[in-house]
C-alpha atoms as a PDB file:
ATOM      1  CA  MET A   1     -59.142  44.036 174.392  1.00  0.00           C
ATOM      2  CA  ARG A   2     -60.177  40.644 175.722  1.00  0.00           C
ATOM      3  CA  ASN A   3     -63.243  40.549 173.461  1.00  0.00           C
ATOM      4  CA  LYS A   4     -61.136  41.667 170.513  1.00  0.00           C
ATOM      5  CA  LYS A   5     -58.573  38.911 171.077  1.00  0.00           C
ATOM      6  CA  LYS A   6     -61.349  36.379 171.519  1.00  0.00           C
ATOM      7  CA  ASN A   7     -62.989  37.436 168.249  1.00  0.00           C
ATOM      8  CA  ILE A   8     -59.667  37.261 166.405  1.00  0.00           C
ATOM      9  CA  LEU A   9     -59.035  33.766 167.791  1.00  0.00           C
ATOM     10  CA  LEU A  10     -62.498  32.601 166.736  1.00  0.00           C
ATOM     11  CA  ILE A  11     -61.994  34.006 163.236  1.00  0.00           C
ATOM     12  CA  VAL A  12     -58.637  32.215 162.940  1.00  0.00           C
ATOM     13  CA  LEU A  13     -60.148  28.915 164.093  1.00  0.00           C
ATOM     14  CA  ALA A  14     -63.097  29.308 161.730  1.00  0.00           C
ATOM     15  CA  SER A  15     -60.690  30.046 158.850  1.00  0.00           C
ATOM     16  CA  ILE A  16     -58.642  26.940 159.632  1.00  0.00           C
ATOM     17  CA  LEU A  17     -61.789  24.800 159.664  1.00  0.00           C
ATOM     18  CA  ALA A  18     -62.969  26.356 156.401  1.00  0.00           C
ATOM     19  CA  VAL A  19     -59.636  25.570 154.728  1.00  0.00           C
ATOM     20  CA  ALA A  20     -59.732  21.999 156.070  1.00  0.00           C
ATOM     21  CA  PHE A  21     -63.166  21.510 154.502  1.00  0.00           C
ATOM     22  CA  LEU A  22     -62.228  23.219 151.238  1.00  0.00           C
ATOM     23  CA  ILE A  23     -58.971  21.367 150.535  1.00  0.00           C
ATOM     24  CA  PRO A  24     -60.638  18.057 149.491  1.00  0.00           C
ATOM     25  CA  LEU A  25     -63.064  19.947 147.222  1.00  0.00           C
ATOM     26  CA  LEU A  26     -60.243  21.947 145.649  1.00  0.00           C
ATOM     27  CA  TRP A  27     -58.217  18.760 145.172  1.00  0.00           C
ATOM     28  CA  MET A  28     -61.227  17.122 143.490  1.00  0.00           C
ATOM     29  CA  LEU A  29     -61.697  20.100 141.166  1.00  0.00           C
ATOM     30  CA  SER A  30     -57.976  20.319 140.368  1.00  0.00           C
ATOM     31  CA  THR A  31     -57.683  16.593 139.638  1.00  0.00           C
ATOM     32  CA  SER A  32     -60.663  16.730 137.279  1.00  0.00           C
ATOM     33  CA  PHE A  33     -58.595  18.950 134.959  1.00  0.00           C
ATOM     34  CA  LYS A  34     -55.535  16.649 134.972  1.00  0.00           C
ATOM     35  CA  SER A  35     -54.724  13.827 132.611  1.00  0.00           C
ATOM     36  CA  ASP A  36     -54.945  10.311 134.038  1.00  0.00           C
ATOM     37  CA  PHE A  37     -51.139   9.999 134.031  1.00  0.00           C
ATOM     38  CA  GLU A  38     -50.715  13.284 135.926  1.00  0.00           C
ATOM     39  CA  ALA A  39     -53.576  12.503 138.313  1.00  0.00           C
ATOM     40  CA  ILE A  40     -51.943   9.223 139.358  1.00  0.00           C
ATOM     41  CA  GLY A  41     -48.268  10.140 139.316  1.00  0.00           C
ATOM     42  CA  GLY A  42     -48.297  13.938 139.530  1.00  0.00           C
ATOM     43  CA  SER A  43     -46.806  15.634 142.589  1.00  0.00           C
ATOM     44  CA  THR A  44     -48.306  19.099 142.143  1.00  0.00           C
ATOM     45  CA  PHE A  45     -51.659  20.270 143.500  1.00  0.00           C
ATOM     46  CA  LEU A  46     -52.579  22.279 140.407  1.00  0.00           C
ATOM     47  CA  PRO A  47     -52.652  20.653 136.940  1.00  0.00           C
ATOM     48  CA  GLN A  48     -49.517  21.233 134.905  1.00  0.00           C
ATOM     49  CA  GLU A  49     -51.407  20.632 131.661  1.00  0.00           C
ATOM     50  CA  PHE A  50     -54.982  21.891 131.886  1.00  0.00           C
ATOM     51  CA  THR A  51     -57.426  19.624 130.003  1.00  0.00           C
ATOM     52  CA  LEU A  52     -61.198  19.292 129.576  1.00  0.00           C
ATOM     53  CA  ALA A  53     -60.939  15.774 128.169  1.00  0.00           C
ATOM     54  CA  ASN A  54     -62.173  14.233 131.416  1.00  0.00           C
ATOM     55  CA  TYR A  55     -65.432  16.183 131.235  1.00  0.00           C
ATOM     56  CA  THR A  56     -66.041  15.589 127.530  1.00  0.00           C
ATOM     57  CA  SER A  57     -65.333  11.858 127.793  1.00  0.00           C
ATOM     58  CA  THR A  58     -67.609  11.600 130.840  1.00  0.00           C
ATOM     59  CA  LEU A  59     -70.516  13.636 129.484  1.00  0.00           C
ATOM     60  CA  PHE A  60     -70.511  12.111 126.004  1.00  0.00           C
ATOM     61  CA  ASN A  61     -69.739   8.497 126.890  1.00  0.00           C
ATOM     62  CA  ASP A  62     -72.535   6.030 126.130  1.00  0.00           C
ATOM     63  CA  SER A  63     -71.373   3.714 128.921  1.00  0.00           C
ATOM     64  CA  VAL A  64     -71.686   6.540 131.475  1.00  0.00           C
ATOM     65  CA  PRO A  65     -75.302   7.828 131.459  1.00  0.00           C
ATOM     66  CA  VAL A  66     -74.412  10.748 133.723  1.00  0.00           C
ATOM     67  CA  PHE A  67     -77.377  12.860 132.582  1.00  0.00           C
ATOM     68  CA  ARG A  68     -79.770  10.043 133.430  1.00  0.00           C
ATOM     69  CA  TRP A  69     -78.142   9.590 136.846  1.00  0.00           C
ATOM     70  CA  LEU A  70     -78.374  13.302 137.569  1.00  0.00           C
ATOM     71  CA  PHE A  71     -82.000  13.365 136.444  1.00  0.00           C
ATOM     72  CA  ASN A  72     -82.842  10.434 138.724  1.00  0.00           C
ATOM     73  CA  SER A  73     -81.161  12.066 141.730  1.00  0.00           C
ATOM     74  CA  LEU A  74     -82.820  15.427 141.104  1.00  0.00           C
ATOM     75  CA  PHE A  75     -86.237  13.918 140.431  1.00  0.00           C
ATOM     76  CA  VAL A  76     -86.109  11.731 143.534  1.00  0.00           C
ATOM     77  CA  GLY A  77     -84.811  14.620 145.645  1.00  0.00           C
ATOM     78  CA  ILE A  78     -87.431  17.131 144.478  1.00  0.00           C
ATOM     79  CA  ALA A  79     -90.271  14.618 144.803  1.00  0.00           C
ATOM     80  CA  GLY A  80     -89.134  13.592 148.272  1.00  0.00           C
ATOM     81  CA  VAL A  81     -88.806  17.205 149.423  1.00  0.00           C
ATOM     82  CA  SER A  82     -92.289  18.064 148.127  1.00  0.00           C
ATOM     83  CA  ILE A  83     -93.878  15.144 149.981  1.00  0.00           C
ATOM     84  CA  VAL A  84     -91.921  15.776 153.190  1.00  0.00           C
ATOM     85  CA  LEU A  85     -92.822  19.476 153.311  1.00  0.00           C
ATOM     86  CA  THR A  86     -96.508  18.714 152.735  1.00  0.00           C
ATOM     87  CA  ILE A  87     -96.892  15.879 155.231  1.00  0.00           C
ATOM     88  CA  ASP A  88     -94.584  17.229 157.941  1.00  0.00           C
ATOM     89  CA  ALA A  89     -96.077  20.727 157.840  1.00  0.00           C
ATOM     90  CA  MET A  90     -99.631  19.431 158.257  1.00  0.00           C
ATOM     91  CA  ALA A  91     -98.634  16.954 160.966  1.00  0.00           C
ATOM     92  CA  ALA A  92     -96.628  19.530 162.919  1.00  0.00           C
ATOM     93  CA  TYR A  93     -99.363  22.154 162.697  1.00  0.00           C
ATOM     94  CA  GLY A  94    -102.007  19.691 163.791  1.00  0.00           C
ATOM     95  CA  LEU A  95     -99.952  18.610 166.813  1.00  0.00           C
ATOM     96  CA  ALA A  96     -98.995  22.177 167.740  1.00  0.00           C
ATOM     97  CA  ARG A  97    -102.209  24.175 167.214  1.00  0.00           C
ATOM     98  CA  LEU A  98    -105.206  21.910 166.682  1.00  0.00           C
ATOM     99  CA  ASP A  99    -107.189  19.783 169.112  1.00  0.00           C
ATOM    100  CA  VAL A 100    -105.827  16.457 167.925  1.00  0.00           C
ATOM    101  CA  PRO A 101    -106.741  13.470 170.132  1.00  0.00           C
ATOM    102  CA  PHE A 102    -103.793  12.026 172.085  1.00  0.00           C
ATOM    103  CA  LYS A 103    -101.407  14.663 170.720  1.00  0.00           C
ATOM    104  CA  LYS A 104     -99.516  14.709 174.022  1.00  0.00           C
ATOM    105  CA  VAL A 105     -98.692  11.067 173.384  1.00  0.00           C
ATOM    106  CA  LEU A 106     -98.253  11.249 169.611  1.00  0.00           C
ATOM    107  CA  PHE A 107     -95.583  13.936 169.602  1.00  0.00           C
ATOM    108  CA  PRO A 108     -93.187  12.075 171.967  1.00  0.00           C
ATOM    109  CA  LEU A 109     -93.723   8.990 169.809  1.00  0.00           C
ATOM    110  CA  PHE A 110     -92.727  10.976 166.704  1.00  0.00           C
ATOM    111  CA  VAL A 111     -89.610  12.281 168.406  1.00  0.00           C
ATOM    112  CA  SER A 112     -88.654   8.866 169.799  1.00  0.00           C
ATOM    113  CA  THR A 113     -88.383   7.482 166.256  1.00  0.00           C
ATOM    114  CA  LEU A 114     -85.343   9.719 165.788  1.00  0.00           C
ATOM    115  CA  MET A 115     -83.500   7.323 168.100  1.00  0.00           C
ATOM    116  CA  ILE A 116     -84.127   4.306 165.832  1.00  0.00           C
ATOM    117  CA  PRO A 117     -81.121   3.648 163.543  1.00  0.00           C
ATOM    118  CA  TRP A 118     -81.899   3.565 159.831  1.00  0.00           C
ATOM    119  CA  VAL A 119     -80.224   0.156 159.466  1.00  0.00           C
ATOM    120  CA  ILE A 120     -82.905  -1.474 161.653  1.00  0.00           C
ATOM    121  CA  THR A 121     -85.677  -0.562 159.202  1.00  0.00           C
ATOM    122  CA  PHE A 122     -83.532  -1.305 156.153  1.00  0.00           C
ATOM    123  CA  LEU A 123     -84.435  -4.995 155.723  1.00  0.00           C
ATOM    124  CA  PRO A 124     -88.195  -4.676 156.467  1.00  0.00           C
ATOM    125  CA  LEU A 125     -88.477  -1.810 153.975  1.00  0.00           C
ATOM    126  CA  TYR A 126     -86.613  -3.797 151.333  1.00  0.00           C
ATOM    127  CA  GLN A 127     -88.857  -6.831 151.849  1.00  0.00           C
ATOM    128  CA  GLN A 128     -92.001  -4.705 151.591  1.00  0.00           C
ATOM    129  CA  PHE A 129     -90.977  -3.162 148.279  1.00  0.00           C
ATOM    130  CA  SER A 130     -89.808  -6.558 147.021  1.00  0.00           C
ATOM    131  CA  ASN A 131     -93.130  -8.213 147.881  1.00  0.00           C
ATOM    132  CA  LEU A 132     -94.990  -5.388 146.116  1.00  0.00           C
ATOM    133  CA  GLY A 133     -92.801  -5.762 143.026  1.00  0.00           C
ATOM    134  CA  LEU A 134     -91.633  -2.155 143.208  1.00  0.00           C
ATOM    135  CA  LEU A 135     -87.874  -2.686 143.231  1.00  0.00           C
ATOM    136  CA  ASN A 136     -85.938  -0.921 140.473  1.00  0.00           C
ATOM    137  CA  THR A 137     -88.603   1.792 140.236  1.00  0.00           C
ATOM    138  CA  TYR A 138     -88.873   5.319 141.575  1.00  0.00           C
ATOM    139  CA  ALA A 139     -91.203   4.205 144.391  1.00  0.00           C
ATOM    140  CA  PRO A 140     -88.522   2.804 146.764  1.00  0.00           C
ATOM    141  CA  LEU A 141     -86.301   5.795 146.037  1.00  0.00           C
ATOM    142  CA  ILE A 142     -88.987   8.295 147.107  1.00  0.00           C
ATOM    143  CA  LEU A 143     -91.484   6.738 149.523  1.00  0.00           C
ATOM    144  CA  PRO A 144     -89.094   5.941 152.425  1.00  0.00           C
ATOM    145  CA  TYR A 145     -88.340   9.679 152.644  1.00  0.00           C
ATOM    146  CA  SER A 146     -91.974  10.756 152.357  1.00  0.00           C
ATOM    147  CA  ALA A 147     -92.138  11.843 156.006  1.00  0.00           C
ATOM    148  CA  ASN A 148     -89.667  12.095 158.844  1.00  0.00           C
ATOM    149  CA  ALA A 149     -89.812  12.868 162.538  1.00  0.00           C
ATOM    150  CA  PHE A 150     -87.066  15.474 162.266  1.00  0.00           C
ATOM    151  CA  GLY A 151     -89.225  17.664 160.027  1.00  0.00           C
ATOM    152  CA  VAL A 152     -92.222  17.329 162.337  1.00  0.00           C
ATOM    153  CA  PHE A 153     -90.069  18.244 165.343  1.00  0.00           C
ATOM    154  CA  LEU A 154     -88.494  21.227 163.556  1.00  0.00           C
ATOM    155  CA  LEU A 155     -91.801  22.680 162.370  1.00  0.00           C
ATOM    156  CA  TYR A 156     -93.574  21.869 165.638  1.00  0.00           C
ATOM    157  CA  GLN A 157     -91.222  24.189 167.533  1.00  0.00           C
ATOM    158  CA  PHE A 158     -92.015  27.057 165.147  1.00  0.00           C
ATOM    159  CA  PHE A 159     -95.788  26.508 165.106  1.00  0.00           C
ATOM    160  CA  ARG A 160     -95.893  26.396 168.905  1.00  0.00           C
ATOM    161  CA  SER A 161     -94.383  29.904 169.079  1.00  0.00           C
ATOM    162  CA  PHE A 162     -96.568  31.327 166.296  1.00  0.00           C
ATOM    163  CA  PRO A 163     -98.682  34.274 167.612  1.00  0.00           C
ATOM    164  CA  LYS A 164    -102.246  33.208 168.363  1.00  0.00           C
ATOM    165  CA  GLU A 165    -103.450  36.756 167.662  1.00  0.00           C
ATOM    166  CA  LEU A 166    -102.787  36.337 163.951  1.00  0.00           C
ATOM    167  CA  GLU A 167    -104.862  33.181 163.815  1.00  0.00           C
ATOM    168  CA  GLU A 168    -107.675  34.834 165.772  1.00  0.00           C
ATOM    169  CA  ALA A 169    -107.643  37.842 163.437  1.00  0.00           C
ATOM    170  CA  ALA A 170    -107.882  35.565 160.408  1.00  0.00           C
ATOM    171  CA  ARG A 171    -110.695  33.612 162.063  1.00  0.00           C
ATOM    172  CA  MET A 172    -112.612  36.831 162.684  1.00  0.00           C
ATOM    173  CA  ASP A 173    -112.244  37.665 158.990  1.00  0.00           C
ATOM    174  CA  GLY A 174    -114.034  34.420 158.151  1.00  0.00           C
ATOM    175  CA  ALA A 175    -111.056  32.142 157.399  1.00  0.00           C
ATOM    176  CA  ASN A 176    -111.413  28.440 158.205  1.00  0.00           C
ATOM    177  CA  LYS A 177    -108.655  26.253 159.650  1.00  0.00           C
ATOM    178  CA  TRP A 178    -107.263  25.275 156.254  1.00  0.00           C
ATOM    179  CA  GLN A 179    -107.154  28.878 155.025  1.00  0.00           C
ATOM    180  CA  ILE A 180    -105.422  29.979 158.246  1.00  0.00           C
ATOM    181  CA  PHE A 181    -102.824  27.244 157.776  1.00  0.00           C
ATOM    182  CA  VAL A 182    -102.180  27.950 154.093  1.00  0.00           C
ATOM    183  CA  ARG A 183    -102.499  31.751 153.953  1.00  0.00           C
ATOM    184  CA  VAL A 184    -101.313  32.861 157.405  1.00  0.00           C
ATOM    185  CA  VAL A 185     -99.086  30.255 159.017  1.00  0.00           C
ATOM    186  CA  LEU A 186     -97.172  28.738 156.092  1.00  0.00           C
ATOM    187  CA  PRO A 187     -95.990  32.086 154.601  1.00  0.00           C
ATOM    188  CA  SER A 188     -94.449  32.924 157.984  1.00  0.00           C
ATOM    189  CA  ALA A 189     -92.746  29.522 158.088  1.00  0.00           C
ATOM    190  CA  ARG A 190     -90.887  29.899 154.784  1.00  0.00           C
ATOM    191  CA  PRO A 191     -87.388  30.067 156.350  1.00  0.00           C
ATOM    192  CA  ILE A 192     -88.062  26.936 158.412  1.00  0.00           C
ATOM    193  CA  LEU A 193     -89.504  25.151 155.385  1.00  0.00           C
ATOM    194  CA  ALA A 194     -86.439  26.142 153.349  1.00  0.00           C
ATOM    195  CA  THR A 195     -84.179  24.721 156.056  1.00  0.00           C
ATOM    196  CA  LEU A 196     -86.107  21.450 156.099  1.00  0.00           C
ATOM    197  CA  ALA A 197     -86.092  21.334 152.280  1.00  0.00           C
ATOM    198  CA  ILE A 198     -82.305  21.722 152.117  1.00  0.00           C
ATOM    199  CA  PHE A 199     -81.693  19.104 154.810  1.00  0.00           C
ATOM    200  CA  THR A 200     -84.077  16.665 153.125  1.00  0.00           C
ATOM    201  CA  PHE A 201     -82.737  17.224 149.623  1.00  0.00           C
ATOM    202  CA  MET A 202     -79.146  16.738 150.774  1.00  0.00           C
ATOM    203  CA  SER A 203     -80.093  13.545 152.605  1.00  0.00           C
ATOM    204  CA  ILE A 204     -81.891  12.058 149.594  1.00  0.00           C
ATOM    205  CA  TYR A 205     -79.388  13.256 146.996  1.00  0.00           C
ATOM    206  CA  ASN A 206     -76.352  11.967 148.926  1.00  0.00           C
ATOM    207  CA  ASP A 207     -77.864   8.623 149.913  1.00  0.00           C
ATOM    208  CA  PHE A 208     -75.871   5.698 148.579  1.00  0.00           C
ATOM    209  CA  LEU A 209     -76.685   2.348 150.187  1.00  0.00           C
ATOM    210  CA  TRP A 210     -80.478   2.351 149.746  1.00  0.00           C
ATOM    211  CA  PRO A 211     -80.449   3.301 146.005  1.00  0.00           C
ATOM    212  CA  LEU A 212     -77.646   0.784 145.423  1.00  0.00           C
ATOM    213  CA  VAL A 213     -79.725  -2.078 146.860  1.00  0.00           C
ATOM    214  CA  THR A 214     -83.136  -1.158 145.427  1.00  0.00           C
ATOM    215  CA  THR A 215     -82.032  -0.444 141.835  1.00  0.00           C
ATOM    216  CA  SER A 216     -80.424  -2.870 139.424  1.00  0.00           C
ATOM    217  CA  THR A 217     -80.335  -1.267 135.959  1.00  0.00           C
ATOM    218  CA  PRO A 218     -78.147   1.672 134.858  1.00  0.00           C
ATOM    219  CA  ASP A 219     -81.186   3.770 133.877  1.00  0.00           C
ATOM    220  CA  MET A 220     -82.524   3.688 137.451  1.00  0.00           C
ATOM    221  CA  ARG A 221     -79.249   4.416 139.231  1.00  0.00           C
ATOM    222  CA  THR A 222     -78.722   7.685 141.069  1.00  0.00           C
ATOM    223  CA  VAL A 223     -75.539   9.665 140.657  1.00  0.00           C
ATOM    224  CA  THR A 224     -73.991   8.449 143.933  1.00  0.00           C
ATOM    225  CA  THR A 225     -74.393   4.799 142.960  1.00  0.00           C
ATOM    226  CA  GLY A 226     -73.208   5.618 139.447  1.00  0.00           C
ATOM    227  CA  ILE A 227     -69.959   7.057 140.810  1.00  0.00           C
ATOM    228  CA  ALA A 228     -69.389   3.931 142.911  1.00  0.00           C
ATOM    229  CA  ILE A 229     -70.016   1.656 139.928  1.00  0.00           C
ATOM    230  CA  MET A 230     -67.625   3.623 137.703  1.00  0.00           C
ATOM    231  CA  GLN A 231     -65.016   3.638 140.481  1.00  0.00           C
ATOM    232  CA  GLN A 232     -65.015  -0.156 140.426  1.00  0.00           C
ATOM    233  CA  GLY A 233     -65.481  -0.329 136.661  1.00  0.00           C
ATOM    234  CA  SER A 234     -63.969   1.540 133.729  1.00  0.00           C
ATOM    235  CA  PHE A 235     -62.802   4.480 135.876  1.00  0.00           C
ATOM    236  CA  VAL A 236     -60.864   2.303 138.330  1.00  0.00           C
ATOM    237  CA  SER A 237     -57.530   3.805 137.214  1.00  0.00           C
ATOM    238  CA  SER A 238     -58.889   7.026 135.667  1.00  0.00           C
ATOM    239  CA  TYR A 239     -58.763   9.422 138.586  1.00  0.00           C
ATOM    240  CA  GLY A 240     -59.233  12.446 136.361  1.00  0.00           C
ATOM    241  CA  LYS A 241     -62.477  11.134 134.852  1.00  0.00           C
ATOM    242  CA  LEU A 242     -63.700   9.946 138.249  1.00  0.00           C
ATOM    243  CA  MET A 243     -63.110  13.393 139.768  1.00  0.00           C
ATOM    244  CA  ALA A 244     -64.830  15.036 136.797  1.00  0.00           C
ATOM    245  CA  LEU A 245     -67.889  12.841 137.373  1.00  0.00           C
ATOM    246  CA  THR A 246     -67.783  13.636 141.101  1.00  0.00           C
ATOM    247  CA  THR A 247     -67.555  17.367 140.377  1.00  0.00           C
ATOM    248  CA  LEU A 248     -70.590  17.186 138.107  1.00  0.00           C
ATOM    249  CA  ALA A 249     -72.472  15.338 140.843  1.00  0.00           C
ATOM    250  CA  THR A 250     -71.539  18.025 143.383  1.00  0.00           C
ATOM    251  CA  LEU A 251     -72.834  20.967 141.341  1.00  0.00           C
ATOM    252  CA  PRO A 252     -76.618  20.462 141.888  1.00  0.00           C
ATOM    253  CA  ILE A 253     -76.337  20.210 145.666  1.00  0.00           C
ATOM    254  CA  LEU A 254     -74.043  23.245 145.713  1.00  0.00           C
ATOM    255  CA  VAL A 255     -76.487  25.284 143.632  1.00  0.00           C
ATOM    256  CA  VAL A 256     -79.393  24.300 145.899  1.00  0.00           C
ATOM    257  CA  PHE A 257     -77.502  25.404 148.997  1.00  0.00           C
ATOM    258  CA  LEU A 258     -76.363  28.702 147.471  1.00  0.00           C
ATOM    259  CA  ILE A 259     -79.913  29.535 146.373  1.00  0.00           C
ATOM    260  CA  GLY A 260     -81.390  28.770 149.774  1.00  0.00           C
ATOM    261  CA  GLN A 261     -78.475  29.992 151.899  1.00  0.00           C
ATOM    262  CA  LYS A 262     -80.210  33.087 153.332  1.00  0.00           C
ATOM    263  CA  SER A 263     -83.382  31.200 154.174  1.00  0.00           C
ATOM    264  CA  PHE A 264     -81.297  28.347 155.567  1.00  0.00           C
ATOM    265  CA  ILE A 265     -79.413  30.598 158.011  1.00  0.00           C
ATOM    266  CA  LYS A 266     -82.591  32.460 158.942  1.00  0.00           C
ATOM    267  CA  GLY A 267     -84.419  29.198 159.508  1.00  0.00           C
ATOM    268  CA  ILE A 268     -81.681  27.859 161.799  1.00  0.00           C
ATOM    269  CA  THR A 269     -81.764  30.981 163.962  1.00  0.00           C
ATOM    270  CA  GLN A 270     -85.565  30.975 164.148  1.00  0.00           C
ATOM    271  CA  SER A 271     -85.829  27.282 165.009  1.00  0.00           C
ATOM    272  CA  GLY A 272     -83.195  27.461 167.735  1.00  0.00           C
ATOM    273  CA  ILE A 273     -80.914  24.814 166.197  1.00  0.00           C
ATOM    274  CA  LYS A 274     -77.232  25.451 166.894  1.00  0.00           C
END
């Protein structure tokens, strides 16, 4: 009976938390279907007069290049994820399973960089890209995310626990180190790689300050900076249109998570992250 009551209490608490997280999203979705007058002065949660005008005026407005913003965010996110998975997987495998010189020193150094706040590296990174003449291009939107210590740490834990017998069997079959890594180790690490991909994509897609500073033209803006610009611009009093734009920006990240949900949960349990 005690375990039953405890489980019921946990379910109730989890439901309350789920509702608390869902209410802002439901309010955003509901407001996107309201007229501007009802969105500002309405007192009901659901729209009294359902309208799609906010979406049509947002999608087909020349002053709001929402498709370009979404393309930039998706392109930067996918490119960043591809580079992170490649570099972090090779670095973590080398530190975990290969005879890399000074690896006992290198790995703590990698992990220690997690303690450095992003704001400390903000100005040096900006100056580097400015001196190279790369501002307002895709380079500063992608390269700062090209590798991160979190991904190395996450994959390192998995590679350390990978059975040595499988590697030895592949070596006896004539596979070299690269073939063992690509054909034996990486397929087993798919859930962990999916977890890292989702974390990285969400971080890049949702970033606001860095894209705002390093881009200056509307064609190079990401969707997060585009929303901020429209909030201070023509959508300053158009809550319905602003929520429609925000809903459109939320859809890609939601689709990515739903597609990778099973691998994400499996990867968390395998990597030991709570």
